[in-house]
C-alpha cells in the first residue's frame, strides 16, 4: 500500500493536494497547524520543528512517500523572518527521518524566489540560484541539502517542486489577486499599481495536481511548478473586473510599483511537462471564475 505523509495538510497548497493523493490511491496521513479538515484521512497535530516529534511521527506512520508543503508563511513577515532558518532545520530533520525509516519518495516544496530573475524563463539547473530574501535563501539552502541526500542515497528518490505564483480558494486575503477579488465582489474600490509586471500565475488546484503528479513520478531534483504562460498583472486584474462586473472599482496605477521589482518572472515548464508528464488543466480564466464563485459563496 502507498502511504503518504502530507505536511501542512491544512495550508493553502497542502489542502488542495488531498484530492489528488486520494485519486492516486494513497492512504493519507497529514499534519495540521490549527484545525484539521473534515476529510477521511489521518490527522496529526505535530510540531515539525521538534526533532523528537518528527522522528516519532515518521516511525509511527511508516510512510512510503512524503510530500512536504509545510513552512512558515505568515503574510508580510515570511520574506525576511528568522523563522525561515528553523524550517531549514525542520526540513533536514524530516528528510533524515525519511532516510532512516526507508521512505521511498520525498518531494519538498520550494519557490521561484530561489532564482535570479532576468527576462528569460527560469530554468532548472540553468538559471542562477541567487535569492535576495531570507525566505528564498532558506528554500535554496534546503534544496541544496536535499540534493546532497539524493547524491548519496540511491534508494530514497528526492524531488523539489519550485512553486511560482499561485491563486485560488483559501488564499491569504492580503495577496494581490485575493484582495482584488474580495474588494470587487464587496463593491469596494481598490488601488493597485499599473500592473505592468509580467508574472507566471497558476491556479492552486493545478499546482496541487502538479505536485502530486511529481510525487508519483520518479523524477529527481528541482522541477518548476507553474503554468509557463506569463501574463501582465494588469491583464489578470482586468479579467477579474470583467468576471465580477465591477471594473469601475479597479484603480490601476493608483499605487507606485516597488523599486527594483523584476519585470518578468516566468517559468520554463519543460521538465514538468515532458519528464513528469503533467499538463495544465485550467486556464487562468477558469481558475479565476471558480475562485470568484467560491468567495461569493462564503460571503453568503
Protein backbone atom coordinates (compact mmCIF):
# COMPACT_ATOMS: atom_id res chain seq x y z
CA UNK A 1 0.00 0.00 0.00
CA UNK A 2 1.15 3.53 -0.78
CA UNK A 3 1.10 5.58 2.41
CA UNK A 4 1.86 9.31 2.25
CA UNK A 5 2.70 11.85 4.94
CA UNK A 6 1.49 15.27 3.81
CA UNK A 7 2.94 18.08 5.93
CA UNK A 8 0.98 21.33 6.02
CA UNK A 9 -2.21 19.49 5.16
CA UNK A 10 -4.43 22.45 6.07
CA UNK A 11 -2.32 25.06 4.28
CA UNK A 12 -3.14 26.89 1.06
CA UNK A 13 -1.42 24.33 -1.15
CA UNK A 14 -1.48 21.29 1.14
CA UNK A 15 -5.25 21.08 1.50
CA UNK A 16 -5.64 21.04 -2.28
CA UNK A 17 -3.26 18.07 -2.60
CA UNK A 18 -5.58 15.78 -0.65
CA UNK A 19 -7.98 15.14 -3.55
CA UNK A 20 -5.18 14.20 -5.94
CA UNK A 21 -3.47 11.97 -3.39
CA UNK A 22 -6.81 10.19 -3.00
CA UNK A 23 -7.09 9.86 -6.77
CA UNK A 24 -3.71 8.08 -6.86
CA UNK A 25 -4.82 5.65 -4.14
CA UNK A 26 -2.68 6.85 -1.24
CA UNK A 27 -3.52 6.21 2.40
CA UNK A 28 -3.18 9.81 3.58
CA UNK A 29 -1.64 10.95 6.86
CA UNK A 30 -1.40 14.72 7.25
CA UNK A 31 -0.17 17.27 9.77
CA UNK A 32 -2.21 20.33 10.67
CA UNK A 33 -1.42 23.65 12.30
CA UNK A 34 -4.75 24.99 13.55
CA UNK A 35 -7.75 22.75 12.81
CA UNK A 36 -7.89 19.56 10.73
CA UNK A 37 -10.14 19.45 7.70
CA UNK A 38 -13.16 17.19 7.64
CA UNK A 39 -11.65 14.56 5.38
CA UNK A 40 -11.50 10.80 5.68
CA UNK A 41 -7.76 10.83 6.38
CA UNK A 42 -5.46 10.56 9.41
CA UNK A 43 -4.62 13.90 11.06
CA UNK A 44 -1.72 14.71 13.39
CA UNK A 45 -1.03 17.78 15.50
CA UNK A 46 2.75 17.59 15.25
CA UNK A 47 5.48 20.16 15.86
CA UNK A 48 7.81 19.59 12.94
CA UNK A 49 10.32 21.99 14.49
CA UNK A 50 10.85 19.37 17.20
CA UNK A 51 13.26 16.61 16.12
CA UNK A 52 11.87 14.09 18.59
CA UNK A 53 8.29 14.61 17.42
CA UNK A 54 9.31 14.40 13.76
CA UNK A 55 11.17 11.14 14.27
CA UNK A 56 8.33 9.67 16.33
CA UNK A 57 5.81 10.67 13.63
CA UNK A 58 7.73 9.01 10.81
CA UNK A 59 8.35 5.93 12.95
CA UNK A 60 4.64 5.61 13.75
CA UNK A 61 3.24 6.24 10.25
CA UNK A 62 5.95 4.40 8.29
CA UNK A 63 5.10 6.32 5.07
CA UNK A 64 6.25 5.18 1.67
CA UNK A 65 6.01 8.77 0.39
CA UNK A 66 6.34 12.26 1.91
CA UNK A 67 5.01 15.48 0.38
CA UNK A 68 6.45 18.32 2.44
CA UNK A 69 4.46 21.53 1.93
CA UNK A 70 4.74 22.95 5.48
CA UNK A 71 6.77 26.13 6.05
CA UNK A 72 6.48 29.44 7.92
CA UNK A 73 4.23 31.60 5.71
CA UNK A 74 2.90 34.48 7.81
CA UNK A 75 1.98 37.10 5.21
CA UNK A 76 4.23 40.20 5.04
CA UNK A 77 6.56 38.63 7.63
CA UNK A 78 7.89 35.49 6.00
CA UNK A 79 10.21 37.09 3.44
CA UNK A 80 12.87 38.07 5.96
CA UNK A 81 11.73 36.25 9.10
CA UNK A 82 14.28 34.31 11.15
CA UNK A 83 11.66 31.54 11.34
CA UNK A 84 12.81 30.51 7.87
CA UNK A 85 16.06 29.23 9.37
CA UNK A 86 14.10 27.00 11.73
CA UNK A 87 12.30 25.44 8.77
CA UNK A 88 15.58 24.65 7.01
CA UNK A 89 16.50 22.54 10.03
CA UNK A 90 12.98 21.10 10.33
CA UNK A 91 13.06 20.03 6.67
CA UNK A 92 16.51 18.50 7.17
CA UNK A 93 15.23 16.57 10.20
CA UNK A 94 12.25 15.31 8.22
CA UNK A 95 14.47 14.14 5.38
CA UNK A 96 16.91 12.43 7.77
CA UNK A 97 14.00 10.59 9.41
CA UNK A 98 12.68 9.61 5.97
CA UNK A 99 16.06 8.09 5.15
CA UNK A 100 16.26 6.28 8.48
CA UNK A 101 12.81 4.70 8.09
CA UNK A 102 13.18 3.67 4.44
CA UNK A 103 10.79 6.13 2.80
CA UNK A 104 10.80 5.57 -0.97
CA UNK A 105 9.94 9.02 -2.29
CA UNK A 106 10.23 12.52 -0.82
CA UNK A 107 9.13 15.76 -2.53
CA UNK A 108 9.80 19.12 -0.91
CA UNK A 109 8.29 22.44 -1.94
CA UNK A 110 10.50 25.34 -2.97
CA UNK A 111 9.92 28.73 -4.54
CA UNK A 112 10.66 30.78 -7.64
CA UNK A 113 12.28 33.25 -5.21
CA UNK A 114 15.32 30.95 -5.27
CA UNK A 115 16.15 32.14 -8.79
CA UNK A 116 17.97 35.17 -10.14
CA UNK A 117 15.20 36.72 -12.22
CA UNK A 118 16.06 38.04 -15.67
CA UNK A 119 13.79 38.47 -18.68
CA UNK A 120 14.36 34.82 -19.62
CA UNK A 121 12.18 31.98 -18.34
CA UNK A 122 13.59 30.41 -15.17
CA UNK A 123 15.04 27.02 -15.98
CA UNK A 124 16.16 24.30 -13.58
CA UNK A 125 19.95 23.76 -13.49
CA UNK A 126 20.44 26.72 -15.87
CA UNK A 127 19.12 29.91 -14.24
CA UNK A 128 21.45 31.02 -11.41
CA UNK A 129 20.28 30.48 -7.84
CA UNK A 130 20.92 33.87 -6.22
CA UNK A 131 17.97 34.64 -3.92
CA UNK A 132 17.72 38.06 -2.29
CA UNK A 133 15.25 37.37 0.55
CA UNK A 134 15.85 35.26 3.66
CA UNK A 135 12.92 33.09 2.57
CA UNK A 136 14.47 32.47 -0.86
CA UNK A 137 17.89 31.79 0.62
CA UNK A 138 16.47 29.28 3.09
CA UNK A 139 14.47 27.50 0.41
CA UNK A 140 17.60 27.32 -1.76
CA UNK A 141 19.65 26.02 1.18
CA UNK A 142 17.05 23.33 1.83
CA UNK A 143 17.10 22.26 -1.82
CA UNK A 144 20.90 22.01 -1.62
CA UNK A 145 20.58 19.72 1.41
CA UNK A 146 18.06 17.59 -0.46
CA UNK A 147 20.39 17.40 -3.46
CA UNK A 148 23.18 16.19 -1.18
CA UNK A 149 20.99 13.40 0.21
CA UNK A 150 19.89 12.45 -3.29
CA UNK A 151 23.52 12.09 -4.41
CA UNK A 152 24.47 9.79 -1.53
CA UNK A 153 21.29 7.71 -1.21
CA UNK A 154 20.21 5.68 -4.21
CA UNK A 155 17.14 4.15 -2.54
CA UNK A 156 15.41 7.39 -1.49
CA UNK A 157 14.06 9.29 -4.51
CA UNK A 158 14.01 13.05 -3.84
CA UNK A 159 12.30 15.86 -5.77
CA UNK A 160 11.97 19.59 -5.24
CA UNK A 161 8.94 21.45 -6.63
CA UNK A 162 9.61 25.16 -7.18
CA UNK A 163 6.26 26.95 -6.95
CA UNK A 164 5.74 30.15 -8.88
CA UNK A 165 2.75 32.48 -8.33
CA UNK A 166 -0.47 30.86 -7.13
CA UNK A 167 -4.05 31.98 -6.60
CA UNK A 168 -7.30 30.33 -5.63
CA UNK A 169 -9.56 29.30 -2.79
CA UNK A 170 -8.30 29.94 0.76
CA UNK A 171 -5.50 32.25 -0.42
CA UNK A 172 -4.42 34.84 2.14
CA UNK A 173 -6.77 37.78 1.66
CA UNK A 174 -3.85 40.23 1.59
CA UNK A 175 -2.41 38.71 -1.58
CA UNK A 176 -2.98 40.70 -4.78
CA UNK A 177 -5.49 38.50 -6.60
CA UNK A 178 -7.39 37.57 -3.45
CA UNK A 179 -7.61 41.16 -2.22
CA UNK A 180 -8.81 42.46 -5.60
CA UNK A 181 -11.50 39.77 -5.92
CA UNK A 182 -12.72 40.35 -2.37
CA UNK A 183 -12.88 44.11 -2.83
CA UNK A 184 -14.73 43.97 -6.14
CA UNK A 185 -17.36 41.46 -5.04
CA UNK A 186 -17.93 43.59 -1.92
CA UNK A 187 -18.35 46.70 -4.06
CA UNK A 188 -15.27 48.41 -2.63
CA UNK A 189 -12.76 50.26 -4.82
CA UNK A 190 -9.16 49.07 -4.64
CA UNK A 191 -5.93 50.84 -5.57
CA UNK A 192 -3.26 48.92 -7.49
CA UNK A 193 0.00 49.60 -9.28
CA UNK A 194 -0.09 49.91 -13.06
CA UNK A 195 0.35 46.13 -13.13
CA UNK A 196 2.82 46.04 -16.00
CA UNK A 197 4.87 43.36 -14.23
CA UNK A 198 4.70 40.01 -16.02
CA UNK A 199 4.09 37.02 -13.75
CA UNK A 200 3.54 33.29 -14.16
CA UNK A 201 0.33 32.56 -12.21
CA UNK A 202 -1.14 29.10 -11.65
CA UNK A 203 -4.49 28.12 -10.15
CA UNK A 204 -3.82 26.41 -6.80
CA UNK A 205 -5.69 23.21 -7.70
CA UNK A 206 -3.47 22.83 -10.77
CA UNK A 207 -0.41 23.41 -8.58
CA UNK A 208 -1.60 20.65 -6.25
CA UNK A 209 -2.24 18.34 -9.19
CA UNK A 210 1.28 19.03 -10.50
CA UNK A 211 2.91 18.39 -7.11
CA UNK A 212 1.12 15.08 -6.64
CA UNK A 213 2.00 14.03 -10.20
CA UNK A 214 5.60 14.92 -9.37
CA UNK A 215 5.42 12.85 -6.18
CA UNK A 216 4.02 9.92 -8.14
CA UNK A 217 6.85 10.14 -10.69
CA UNK A 218 10.47 9.10 -10.30
CA UNK A 219 11.83 12.47 -11.45
CA UNK A 220 14.53 13.79 -9.11
CA UNK A 221 15.89 17.26 -8.45
CA UNK A 222 14.14 20.62 -8.95
CA UNK A 223 11.06 20.95 -11.14
CA UNK A 224 9.23 24.23 -11.78
CA UNK A 225 5.56 24.13 -10.76
CA UNK A 226 3.94 26.80 -12.93
CA UNK A 227 1.76 27.38 -15.95
CA UNK A 228 4.52 28.52 -18.29
CA UNK A 229 2.09 31.19 -19.51
CA UNK A 230 3.13 34.52 -18.02
CA UNK A 231 0.77 37.50 -18.27
CA UNK A 232 0.83 41.13 -17.29
CA UNK A 233 -0.65 41.51 -13.82
CA UNK A 234 -2.91 44.30 -15.10
CA UNK A 235 -4.45 41.90 -17.63
CA UNK A 236 -5.21 39.40 -14.86
CA UNK A 237 -6.81 42.13 -12.74
CA UNK A 238 -8.85 43.37 -15.69
CA UNK A 239 -10.08 39.81 -16.19
CA UNK A 240 -11.21 39.74 -12.55
CA UNK A 241 -13.01 43.06 -13.09
CA UNK A 242 -14.75 41.59 -16.13
CA UNK A 243 -15.77 38.42 -14.27
CA UNK A 244 -17.16 40.38 -11.30
CA UNK A 245 -18.66 43.12 -13.46
CA UNK A 246 -17.11 45.81 -11.26
CA UNK A 247 -14.39 47.28 -13.47
CA UNK A 248 -15.09 50.83 -12.29
CA UNK A 249 -13.77 49.90 -8.83
CA UNK A 250 -10.35 48.78 -10.07
CA UNK A 251 -7.86 51.67 -9.78
CA UNK A 252 -4.83 50.66 -11.85
CA UNK A 253 -1.85 52.99 -11.49
CA UNK A 254 -3.05 54.47 -8.20
CA UNK A 255 -0.07 52.98 -6.35
CA UNK A 256 3.62 53.12 -7.20
CA UNK A 257 5.40 49.97 -8.30
CA UNK A 258 8.04 48.79 -5.85
CA UNK A 259 11.57 49.75 -6.84
CA UNK A 260 13.87 47.03 -8.19
CA UNK A 261 10.95 44.67 -8.75
CA UNK A 262 11.67 42.19 -11.57
CA UNK A 263 9.77 42.98 -14.75
CA UNK A 264 9.30 39.35 -15.74
CA UNK A 265 9.05 36.19 -13.63
CA UNK A 266 8.23 33.24 -15.85
CA UNK A 267 8.90 29.51 -15.64
CA UNK A 268 10.24 27.09 -18.17
CA UNK A 269 7.99 24.06 -17.60
CA UNK A 270 9.74 21.60 -19.92
CA UNK A 271 10.67 19.22 -17.09
CA UNK A 272 7.16 19.37 -15.62
CA UNK A 273 5.50 18.65 -18.96
CA UNK A 274 7.96 16.23 -20.57
CA UNK A 275 9.54 14.37 -17.64
CA UNK A 276 6.79 14.43 -15.01
CA UNK A 277 4.15 14.21 -17.75
CA UNK A 278 1.82 16.82 -16.26
CA UNK A 279 -0.41 19.07 -18.36
CA UNK A 280 -2.24 22.25 -17.37
CA UNK A 281 -5.87 21.56 -16.51
CA UNK A 282 -7.42 25.02 -16.11
CA UNK A 283 -6.90 28.27 -17.96
CA UNK A 284 -6.29 31.28 -15.74
CA UNK A 285 -9.80 32.48 -16.62
CA UNK A 286 -11.32 29.17 -15.49
CA UNK A 287 -9.40 29.37 -12.22
CA UNK A 288 -10.43 32.96 -11.61
CA UNK A 289 -14.10 32.22 -12.28
CA UNK A 290 -14.03 29.33 -9.81
CA UNK A 291 -12.24 31.46 -7.22
CA UNK A 292 -14.72 34.32 -7.60
CA UNK A 293 -17.65 31.91 -7.25
CA UNK A 294 -16.09 30.36 -4.14
CA UNK A 295 -15.50 33.74 -2.49
CA UNK A 296 -19.06 34.79 -3.29
CA UNK A 297 -20.37 31.58 -1.71
CA UNK A 298 -18.56 32.07 1.59
CA UNK A 299 -19.83 35.66 1.83
CA UNK A 300 -23.43 34.49 1.83
